[in-house]
Amino acid sequence: MLLWLTLTILWSTTCWADQMYGNGGGTYFSSSIDNKNDISGIRVSISPIGIIRSIQLRYGSAWSEIYGVSGGHAQEFILQPDEYIIGLVGSHRVYLRYLVVYTNLRRQFSFGTNSGRSFIVYPSDPSKVLTGVFGQTQLLGITGIGFKWDYPVAEPQEPTPPSTTQNTKASP
């Protein structure tokens, strides 16, 4: 009885912290979180028939491993200093087909072609930003994708105020 209760609680929808978008199925992947750097870029590879094959994140100046399958035409979007991904829109059929990233600096970049069922994703707390991805992949590409949200590692830099010291000449 206790085992049944435990399994019921673990598999209930309230236990899933993050949602995956798409049909799913296949091999699971999950990006590692970089505790020293925020995401500074995203690279997506798309097949000739419009399937998103893989996704790669850039933390600081280093690219993560490739999540998905190799091949396809890669496109990348590099973030500016103090720029964070705060929302995404996408679509899928059997495979992920479209992904648009939105940033706090009101920039956006799209990968692929909108086709199939659409989804919109943003964090529950507006102070959180994209920190990672997870999902599933099969032979041709990504079948499902989810997004990890957390607070930025680096606090946004405030502009340095101009110096208020004055140069004065000493009198003779």
N, C-alpha and C. Protein backbone atom coordinates (compact mmCIF):
# COMPACT_ATOMS: atom_id res chain seq x y z
N MET A 1 0.82 -1.20 0.00
CA MET A 1 0.00 0.00 0.00
C MET A 1 0.86 1.26 0.00
N LEU A 2 1.90 1.27 0.83
CA LEU A 2 2.79 2.43 0.89
C LEU A 2 3.51 2.64 -0.44
N LEU A 3 3.94 1.55 -1.08
CA LEU A 3 4.60 1.65 -2.39
C LEU A 3 3.64 2.27 -3.41
N TRP A 4 2.39 1.82 -3.44
CA TRP A 4 1.42 2.36 -4.38
C TRP A 4 1.21 3.85 -4.15
N LEU A 5 1.09 4.27 -2.90
CA LEU A 5 0.90 5.67 -2.56
C LEU A 5 2.10 6.51 -3.00
N THR A 6 3.30 6.00 -2.76
CA THR A 6 4.53 6.70 -3.16
C THR A 6 4.58 6.87 -4.67
N LEU A 7 4.32 5.80 -5.41
CA LEU A 7 4.34 5.88 -6.88
C LEU A 7 3.27 6.83 -7.40
N THR A 8 2.12 6.83 -6.79
CA THR A 8 1.04 7.74 -7.21
C THR A 8 1.46 9.19 -7.03
N ILE A 9 2.07 9.49 -5.91
CA ILE A 9 2.51 10.86 -5.65
C ILE A 9 3.62 11.26 -6.62
N LEU A 10 4.59 10.37 -6.84
CA LEU A 10 5.70 10.68 -7.73
C LEU A 10 5.25 10.90 -9.17
N TRP A 11 4.26 10.19 -9.62
CA TRP A 11 3.82 10.30 -11.00
C TRP A 11 2.66 11.27 -11.20
N SER A 12 2.22 11.92 -10.14
CA SER A 12 1.14 12.89 -10.29
C SER A 12 1.67 14.13 -11.00
N THR A 13 0.79 14.85 -11.68
CA THR A 13 1.21 16.02 -12.46
C THR A 13 1.74 17.13 -11.58
N THR A 14 1.38 17.17 -10.32
CA THR A 14 1.88 18.22 -9.45
C THR A 14 3.36 18.06 -9.16
N CYS A 15 3.93 16.90 -9.40
CA CYS A 15 5.35 16.67 -9.13
C CYS A 15 6.24 17.11 -10.29
N TRP A 16 5.67 17.31 -11.44
CA TRP A 16 6.48 17.71 -12.57
C TRP A 16 6.73 19.21 -12.50
N ALA A 17 7.97 19.60 -12.26
CA ALA A 17 8.31 21.01 -12.12
C ALA A 17 8.35 21.71 -13.47
N ASP A 18 8.74 20.99 -14.49
CA ASP A 18 8.89 21.59 -15.81
C ASP A 18 8.09 20.78 -16.83
N GLN A 19 7.52 21.48 -17.79
CA GLN A 19 6.71 20.84 -18.81
C GLN A 19 7.52 20.65 -20.08
N MET A 20 7.27 19.54 -20.78
CA MET A 20 7.92 19.31 -22.07
C MET A 20 6.87 19.55 -23.16
N TYR A 21 7.30 20.21 -24.24
CA TYR A 21 6.43 20.55 -25.35
C TYR A 21 6.80 19.67 -26.53
N GLY A 22 5.79 19.11 -27.17
CA GLY A 22 6.01 18.19 -28.28
C GLY A 22 5.49 16.82 -27.92
N ASN A 23 5.56 15.89 -28.87
CA ASN A 23 5.06 14.54 -28.64
C ASN A 23 5.98 13.72 -27.75
N GLY A 24 7.26 14.06 -27.76
CA GLY A 24 8.22 13.31 -26.96
C GLY A 24 8.49 11.94 -27.54
N GLY A 25 9.25 11.16 -26.81
CA GLY A 25 9.63 9.83 -27.24
C GLY A 25 11.09 9.81 -27.68
N GLY A 26 11.77 8.74 -27.32
CA GLY A 26 13.17 8.61 -27.71
C GLY A 26 14.11 8.80 -26.54
N THR A 27 15.30 9.22 -26.84
CA THR A 27 16.37 9.37 -25.85
C THR A 27 16.26 10.71 -25.15
N TYR A 28 16.35 10.68 -23.83
CA TYR A 28 16.24 11.89 -23.01
C TYR A 28 17.57 12.64 -23.01
N PHE A 29 17.51 13.98 -23.01
CA PHE A 29 18.70 14.82 -22.83
C PHE A 29 18.38 15.93 -21.85
N SER A 30 19.41 16.46 -21.22
CA SER A 30 19.26 17.58 -20.30
C SER A 30 20.57 18.34 -20.24
N SER A 31 20.50 19.64 -20.40
CA SER A 31 21.70 20.45 -20.33
C SER A 31 22.15 20.57 -18.88
N SER A 32 23.44 20.71 -18.70
CA SER A 32 23.99 20.97 -17.38
C SER A 32 23.84 22.46 -17.10
N ILE A 33 23.67 22.79 -15.84
CA ILE A 33 23.58 24.20 -15.45
C ILE A 33 25.00 24.69 -15.16
N ASP A 34 25.32 25.85 -15.70
CA ASP A 34 26.61 26.48 -15.43
C ASP A 34 26.38 27.47 -14.29
N ASN A 35 26.94 27.20 -13.14
CA ASN A 35 26.73 28.05 -11.96
C ASN A 35 27.56 29.32 -11.97
N LYS A 36 28.42 29.49 -12.96
CA LYS A 36 29.28 30.68 -13.02
C LYS A 36 28.92 31.61 -14.17
N ASN A 37 28.22 31.11 -15.17
CA ASN A 37 27.90 31.91 -16.36
C ASN A 37 26.44 31.74 -16.74
N ASP A 38 25.85 32.83 -17.23
CA ASP A 38 24.50 32.77 -17.78
C ASP A 38 24.58 32.36 -19.24
N ILE A 39 23.44 31.98 -19.81
CA ILE A 39 23.38 31.66 -21.23
C ILE A 39 23.71 32.92 -22.02
N SER A 40 24.65 32.78 -22.95
CA SER A 40 25.06 33.93 -23.76
C SER A 40 24.79 33.71 -25.25
N GLY A 41 24.21 32.57 -25.60
CA GLY A 41 23.88 32.30 -26.99
C GLY A 41 23.14 31.00 -27.12
N ILE A 42 22.52 30.83 -28.28
CA ILE A 42 21.80 29.59 -28.58
C ILE A 42 22.04 29.26 -30.05
N ARG A 43 22.29 27.99 -30.32
CA ARG A 43 22.53 27.51 -31.69
C ARG A 43 21.56 26.36 -31.96
N VAL A 44 20.87 26.43 -33.09
CA VAL A 44 19.89 25.42 -33.46
C VAL A 44 20.21 24.92 -34.87
N SER A 45 20.19 23.60 -35.05
CA SER A 45 20.40 23.00 -36.38
C SER A 45 19.08 22.48 -36.91
N ILE A 46 18.82 22.76 -38.19
CA ILE A 46 17.56 22.41 -38.82
C ILE A 46 17.85 21.57 -40.06
N SER A 47 17.07 20.50 -40.24
CA SER A 47 17.25 19.61 -41.39
C SER A 47 16.67 20.26 -42.64
N PRO A 48 17.02 19.72 -43.82
CA PRO A 48 16.47 20.26 -45.08
C PRO A 48 14.94 20.17 -45.16
N ILE A 49 14.32 19.27 -44.39
CA ILE A 49 12.86 19.16 -44.43
C ILE A 49 12.20 19.92 -43.27
N GLY A 50 12.97 20.76 -42.56
CA GLY A 50 12.40 21.66 -41.57
C GLY A 50 12.26 21.13 -40.16
N ILE A 51 12.95 20.05 -39.84
CA ILE A 51 12.91 19.51 -38.49
C ILE A 51 14.08 20.07 -37.69
N ILE A 52 13.80 20.50 -36.45
CA ILE A 52 14.90 20.93 -35.58
C ILE A 52 15.63 19.69 -35.10
N ARG A 53 16.89 19.57 -35.52
CA ARG A 53 17.69 18.39 -35.23
C ARG A 53 18.39 18.48 -33.88
N SER A 54 18.89 19.67 -33.54
CA SER A 54 19.63 19.80 -32.29
C SER A 54 19.60 21.22 -31.78
N ILE A 55 19.98 21.34 -30.51
CA ILE A 55 20.09 22.65 -29.86
C ILE A 55 21.36 22.65 -29.03
N GLN A 56 21.98 23.79 -28.96
CA GLN A 56 23.22 23.94 -28.21
C GLN A 56 23.17 25.30 -27.51
N LEU A 57 23.64 25.35 -26.27
CA LEU A 57 23.64 26.59 -25.50
C LEU A 57 25.06 27.07 -25.29
N ARG A 58 25.21 28.37 -25.23
CA ARG A 58 26.52 28.96 -24.95
C ARG A 58 26.45 29.60 -23.57
N TYR A 59 27.38 29.22 -22.71
CA TYR A 59 27.50 29.79 -21.37
C TYR A 59 28.80 30.57 -21.33
N GLY A 60 28.73 31.87 -21.10
CA GLY A 60 29.95 32.68 -21.17
C GLY A 60 30.47 32.64 -22.59
N SER A 61 31.69 32.14 -22.79
CA SER A 61 32.26 32.05 -24.14
C SER A 61 32.36 30.61 -24.64
N ALA A 62 31.84 29.65 -23.88
CA ALA A 62 31.97 28.23 -24.24
C ALA A 62 30.61 27.63 -24.61
N TRP A 63 30.60 26.84 -25.69
CA TRP A 63 29.38 26.15 -26.12
C TRP A 63 29.23 24.84 -25.37
N SER A 64 28.00 24.50 -25.05
CA SER A 64 27.69 23.22 -24.41
C SER A 64 27.81 22.11 -25.44
N GLU A 65 27.57 20.89 -24.98
CA GLU A 65 27.49 19.79 -25.93
C GLU A 65 26.24 19.99 -26.79
N ILE A 66 26.14 19.24 -27.87
CA ILE A 66 24.98 19.31 -28.76
C ILE A 66 23.92 18.37 -28.23
N TYR A 67 22.70 18.87 -28.05
CA TYR A 67 21.57 18.06 -27.59
C TYR A 67 20.67 17.79 -28.79
N GLY A 68 20.55 16.54 -29.16
CA GLY A 68 19.78 16.14 -30.32
C GLY A 68 20.64 15.25 -31.20
N VAL A 69 20.44 15.37 -32.51
CA VAL A 69 21.20 14.56 -33.47
C VAL A 69 22.04 15.48 -34.36
N SER A 70 23.14 14.95 -34.86
CA SER A 70 24.04 15.76 -35.67
C SER A 70 23.46 16.00 -37.06
N GLY A 71 24.02 17.01 -37.71
CA GLY A 71 23.60 17.35 -39.07
C GLY A 71 22.65 18.52 -39.11
N GLY A 72 22.37 18.96 -40.32
CA GLY A 72 21.47 20.09 -40.51
C GLY A 72 22.23 21.39 -40.66
N HIS A 73 21.48 22.43 -40.92
CA HIS A 73 22.04 23.78 -41.09
C HIS A 73 21.92 24.51 -39.75
N ALA A 74 23.05 24.95 -39.19
CA ALA A 74 23.05 25.60 -37.88
C ALA A 74 22.88 27.11 -38.02
N GLN A 75 22.08 27.68 -37.13
CA GLN A 75 21.91 29.12 -36.99
C GLN A 75 22.15 29.44 -35.53
N GLU A 76 22.74 30.60 -35.27
CA GLU A 76 22.96 30.95 -33.87
C GLU A 76 22.56 32.39 -33.58
N PHE A 77 22.22 32.60 -32.34
CA PHE A 77 21.82 33.91 -31.83
C PHE A 77 22.67 34.18 -30.59
N ILE A 78 23.50 35.21 -30.67
CA ILE A 78 24.39 35.57 -29.56
C ILE A 78 23.76 36.73 -28.79
N LEU A 79 23.70 36.57 -27.48
CA LEU A 79 23.12 37.60 -26.63
C LEU A 79 24.14 38.69 -26.33
N GLN A 80 23.64 39.87 -26.07
CA GLN A 80 24.48 41.00 -25.69
C GLN A 80 24.74 40.93 -24.18
N PRO A 81 25.73 41.68 -23.68
CA PRO A 81 25.95 41.70 -22.23
C PRO A 81 24.66 42.12 -21.50
N ASP A 82 24.38 41.45 -20.39
CA ASP A 82 23.18 41.70 -19.58
C ASP A 82 21.88 41.43 -20.33
N GLU A 83 21.93 40.55 -21.33
CA GLU A 83 20.73 40.16 -22.06
C GLU A 83 20.43 38.70 -21.71
N TYR A 84 19.14 38.43 -21.48
CA TYR A 84 18.72 37.11 -21.04
C TYR A 84 17.51 36.67 -21.86
N ILE A 85 17.35 35.36 -22.03
CA ILE A 85 16.17 34.82 -22.69
C ILE A 85 15.07 34.73 -21.64
N ILE A 86 13.94 35.40 -21.92
CA ILE A 86 12.85 35.47 -20.94
C ILE A 86 11.57 34.81 -21.44
N GLY A 87 11.56 34.30 -22.65
CA GLY A 87 10.37 33.63 -23.17
C GLY A 87 10.66 32.97 -24.50
N LEU A 88 9.85 31.97 -24.84
CA LEU A 88 10.00 31.27 -26.11
C LEU A 88 8.63 30.94 -26.68
N VAL A 89 8.58 30.86 -27.99
CA VAL A 89 7.41 30.39 -28.71
C VAL A 89 7.91 29.31 -29.64
N GLY A 90 7.11 28.28 -29.86
CA GLY A 90 7.54 27.23 -30.76
C GLY A 90 6.37 26.47 -31.33
N SER A 91 6.68 25.52 -32.20
CA SER A 91 5.66 24.63 -32.74
C SER A 91 6.28 23.28 -33.04
N HIS A 92 5.41 22.28 -33.09
CA HIS A 92 5.86 20.90 -33.32
C HIS A 92 4.79 20.11 -34.04
N ARG A 93 5.23 19.10 -34.71
CA ARG A 93 4.35 18.03 -35.23
C ARG A 93 4.85 16.77 -34.53
N VAL A 94 5.42 15.85 -35.29
CA VAL A 94 6.09 14.70 -34.67
C VAL A 94 7.41 15.18 -34.07
N TYR A 95 8.05 16.11 -34.76
CA TYR A 95 9.31 16.70 -34.31
C TYR A 95 9.13 18.20 -34.11
N LEU A 96 10.04 18.79 -33.33
CA LEU A 96 10.06 20.23 -33.14
C LEU A 96 10.39 20.90 -34.47
N ARG A 97 9.64 21.96 -34.82
CA ARG A 97 9.81 22.61 -36.12
C ARG A 97 10.18 24.08 -36.04
N TYR A 98 9.89 24.72 -34.91
CA TYR A 98 9.99 26.18 -34.85
C TYR A 98 10.30 26.58 -33.42
N LEU A 99 11.17 27.56 -33.29
CA LEU A 99 11.52 28.08 -31.97
C LEU A 99 11.87 29.55 -32.12
N VAL A 100 11.25 30.40 -31.31
CA VAL A 100 11.56 31.83 -31.28
C VAL A 100 11.96 32.17 -29.85
N VAL A 101 13.11 32.82 -29.69
CA VAL A 101 13.55 33.25 -28.37
C VAL A 101 13.31 34.75 -28.23
N TYR A 102 12.86 35.16 -27.05
CA TYR A 102 12.61 36.56 -26.73
C TYR A 102 13.50 36.95 -25.57
N THR A 103 14.07 38.15 -25.63
CA THR A 103 14.99 38.57 -24.59
C THR A 103 14.46 39.79 -23.82
N ASN A 104 15.12 40.05 -22.70
CA ASN A 104 14.76 41.20 -21.88
C ASN A 104 15.08 42.53 -22.56
N LEU A 105 15.90 42.51 -23.60
CA LEU A 105 16.21 43.73 -24.36
C LEU A 105 15.28 43.90 -25.56
N ARG A 106 14.18 43.16 -25.55
CA ARG A 106 13.15 43.21 -26.59
C ARG A 106 13.65 42.78 -27.96
N ARG A 107 14.65 41.91 -27.95
CA ARG A 107 15.10 41.32 -29.21
C ARG A 107 14.50 39.93 -29.32
N GLN A 108 14.40 39.45 -30.55
CA GLN A 108 13.91 38.10 -30.79
C GLN A 108 14.65 37.50 -31.97
N PHE A 109 14.68 36.16 -31.99
CA PHE A 109 15.32 35.46 -33.10
C PHE A 109 14.56 34.17 -33.31
N SER A 110 14.26 33.84 -34.56
CA SER A 110 13.49 32.63 -34.85
C SER A 110 14.35 31.60 -35.57
N PHE A 111 14.06 30.34 -35.26
CA PHE A 111 14.70 29.18 -35.88
C PHE A 111 13.60 28.32 -36.48
N GLY A 112 13.75 27.92 -37.74
CA GLY A 112 12.80 27.03 -38.37
C GLY A 112 11.59 27.75 -38.93
N THR A 113 10.54 26.95 -39.21
CA THR A 113 9.30 27.46 -39.80
C THR A 113 8.13 27.02 -38.94
N ASN A 114 7.23 27.95 -38.65
CA ASN A 114 6.07 27.66 -37.82
C ASN A 114 5.17 26.67 -38.52
N SER A 115 4.97 25.51 -37.89
CA SER A 115 4.17 24.46 -38.49
C SER A 115 3.73 23.49 -37.41
N GLY A 116 2.43 23.24 -37.31
CA GLY A 116 1.93 22.28 -36.33
C GLY A 116 1.34 22.95 -35.12
N ARG A 117 1.41 22.28 -33.99
CA ARG A 117 0.85 22.77 -32.73
C ARG A 117 1.81 23.77 -32.09
N SER A 118 1.28 24.90 -31.66
CA SER A 118 2.10 25.96 -31.10
C SER A 118 2.15 25.89 -29.58
N PHE A 119 3.20 26.46 -29.01
CA PHE A 119 3.32 26.60 -27.57
C PHE A 119 4.00 27.92 -27.25
N ILE A 120 3.71 28.44 -26.08
CA ILE A 120 4.33 29.66 -25.56
C ILE A 120 4.86 29.32 -24.18
N VAL A 121 6.11 29.72 -23.90
CA VAL A 121 6.74 29.38 -22.63
C VAL A 121 7.39 30.61 -22.02
N TYR A 122 7.18 30.80 -20.74
CA TYR A 122 7.86 31.86 -19.99
C TYR A 122 7.90 31.42 -18.53
N PRO A 123 8.80 31.99 -17.75
CA PRO A 123 8.92 31.55 -16.36
C PRO A 123 7.75 32.05 -15.51
N SER A 124 7.48 31.35 -14.42
CA SER A 124 6.41 31.75 -13.51
C SER A 124 6.76 33.04 -12.77
N ASP A 125 8.04 33.29 -12.58
CA ASP A 125 8.52 34.51 -11.92
C ASP A 125 9.22 35.37 -12.97
N PRO A 126 8.77 36.61 -13.20
CA PRO A 126 9.37 37.44 -14.24
C PRO A 126 10.84 37.79 -14.01
N SER A 127 11.35 37.52 -12.82
CA SER A 127 12.78 37.76 -12.55
C SER A 127 13.66 36.61 -13.01
N LYS A 128 13.05 35.49 -13.38
CA LYS A 128 13.82 34.32 -13.80
C LYS A 128 14.12 34.39 -15.30
N VAL A 129 15.19 33.68 -15.70
CA VAL A 129 15.63 33.65 -17.09
C VAL A 129 15.92 32.19 -17.48
N LEU A 130 16.07 31.95 -18.77
CA LEU A 130 16.39 30.61 -19.24
C LEU A 130 17.78 30.21 -18.77
N THR A 131 17.87 29.04 -18.15
CA THR A 131 19.17 28.54 -17.67
C THR A 131 19.53 27.19 -18.26
N GLY A 132 18.61 26.54 -18.97
CA GLY A 132 18.91 25.24 -19.56
C GLY A 132 17.72 24.69 -20.32
N VAL A 133 17.96 23.55 -20.97
CA VAL A 133 16.92 22.86 -21.73
C VAL A 133 16.97 21.37 -21.42
N PHE A 134 15.86 20.70 -21.69
CA PHE A 134 15.81 19.25 -21.60
C PHE A 134 14.82 18.78 -22.64
N GLY A 135 14.82 17.48 -22.92
CA GLY A 135 13.87 16.99 -23.90
C GLY A 135 14.17 15.57 -24.32
N GLN A 136 13.62 15.22 -25.48
CA GLN A 136 13.80 13.89 -26.04
C GLN A 136 14.10 14.01 -27.52
N THR A 137 14.84 13.03 -28.01
CA THR A 137 15.25 13.05 -29.41
C THR A 137 15.16 11.65 -30.01
N GLN A 138 14.84 11.59 -31.29
CA GLN A 138 14.84 10.33 -32.03
C GLN A 138 15.72 10.50 -33.27
N LEU A 139 15.62 9.58 -34.18
CA LEU A 139 16.49 9.48 -35.35
C LEU A 139 16.61 10.79 -36.15
N LEU A 140 15.51 11.51 -36.37
CA LEU A 140 15.53 12.69 -37.23
C LEU A 140 15.70 14.01 -36.50
N GLY A 141 15.47 14.04 -35.18
CA GLY A 141 15.59 15.30 -34.47
C GLY A 141 14.93 15.28 -33.11
N ILE A 142 14.63 16.47 -32.61
CA ILE A 142 14.06 16.65 -31.27
C ILE A 142 12.55 16.43 -31.32
N THR A 143 12.05 15.51 -30.47
CA THR A 143 10.62 15.19 -30.42
C THR A 143 9.89 15.95 -29.33
N GLY A 144 10.62 16.43 -28.36
CA GLY A 144 10.02 17.19 -27.26
C GLY A 144 11.08 18.04 -26.59
N ILE A 145 10.68 19.19 -26.07
CA ILE A 145 11.65 20.09 -25.44
C ILE A 145 11.00 20.79 -24.25
N GLY A 146 11.81 21.00 -23.22
CA GLY A 146 11.37 21.74 -22.04
C GLY A 146 12.46 22.72 -21.65
N PHE A 147 12.12 23.63 -20.77
CA PHE A 147 13.02 24.74 -20.47
C PHE A 147 13.20 24.89 -18.97
N LYS A 148 14.44 25.12 -18.55
CA LYS A 148 14.78 25.33 -17.14
C LYS A 148 14.91 26.83 -16.90
N TRP A 149 14.31 27.30 -15.82
CA TRP A 149 14.31 28.72 -15.48
C TRP A 149 14.90 28.92 -14.10
N ASP A 150 15.65 29.97 -13.94
CA ASP A 150 16.19 30.33 -12.63
C ASP A 150 16.62 31.80 -12.68
N TYR A 151 17.09 32.29 -11.55
CA TYR A 151 17.56 33.68 -11.50
C TYR A 151 18.92 33.78 -12.18
N PRO A 152 19.23 34.92 -12.78
CA PRO A 152 20.54 35.07 -13.44
C PRO A 152 21.68 34.87 -12.44
N VAL A 153 22.78 34.31 -12.94
CA VAL A 153 23.98 34.13 -12.11
C VAL A 153 24.61 35.49 -11.85
N ALA A 154 24.77 36.24 -12.91
CA ALA A 154 25.38 37.58 -12.82
C ALA A 154 24.27 38.61 -12.73
N GLU A 155 24.37 39.46 -11.75
CA GLU A 155 23.40 40.55 -11.65
C GLU A 155 23.64 41.53 -12.79
N PRO A 156 22.58 42.07 -13.39
CA PRO A 156 22.79 43.06 -14.45
C PRO A 156 23.66 44.21 -13.95
N GLN A 157 24.58 44.63 -14.78
CA GLN A 157 25.50 45.70 -14.41
C GLN A 157 24.81 47.05 -14.55
N GLU A 158 24.93 47.86 -13.53
CA GLU A 158 24.43 49.23 -13.58
C GLU A 158 25.49 50.09 -14.23
N PRO A 159 25.10 51.07 -15.03
CA PRO A 159 26.11 51.96 -15.61
C PRO A 159 26.86 52.69 -14.50
N THR A 160 28.14 52.87 -14.67
CA THR A 160 28.95 53.58 -13.70
C THR A 160 28.65 55.06 -13.80
N PRO A 161 28.31 55.69 -12.65
CA PRO A 161 28.01 57.13 -12.74
C PRO A 161 29.27 57.92 -13.05
N PRO A 162 29.11 59.06 -13.71
CA PRO A 162 30.28 59.87 -14.03
C PRO A 162 30.97 60.34 -12.75
N SER A 163 32.25 60.52 -12.85
CA SER A 163 33.04 60.95 -11.70
C SER A 163 32.61 62.35 -11.28
N THR A 164 32.57 62.55 -9.96
CA THR A 164 32.17 63.88 -9.45
C THR A 164 33.34 64.66 -8.91
N THR A 165 34.54 64.08 -9.04
CA THR A 165 35.71 64.81 -8.55
C THR A 165 36.08 65.89 -9.55
N GLN A 166 36.58 67.00 -9.04
CA GLN A 166 36.97 68.11 -9.90
C GLN A 166 38.47 68.32 -9.79
N ASN A 167 39.06 68.68 -10.90
CA ASN A 167 40.47 69.01 -10.89
C ASN A 167 40.62 70.46 -10.43
N THR A 168 41.41 70.65 -9.42
CA THR A 168 41.65 72.03 -8.94
C THR A 168 43.14 72.28 -8.96
N LYS A 169 43.46 73.46 -9.33
CA LYS A 169 44.88 73.86 -9.35
C LYS A 169 45.25 74.42 -7.98
N ALA A 170 46.39 74.03 -7.52
CA ALA A 170 46.86 74.60 -6.25
C ALA A 170 47.36 76.01 -6.52
N SER A 171 47.05 76.94 -5.64
CA SER A 171 47.50 78.31 -5.84
C SER A 171 48.95 78.45 -5.34
N PRO A 172 49.74 79.30 -6.03
CA PRO A 172 51.15 79.44 -5.64
C PRO A 172 51.34 80.13 -4.34
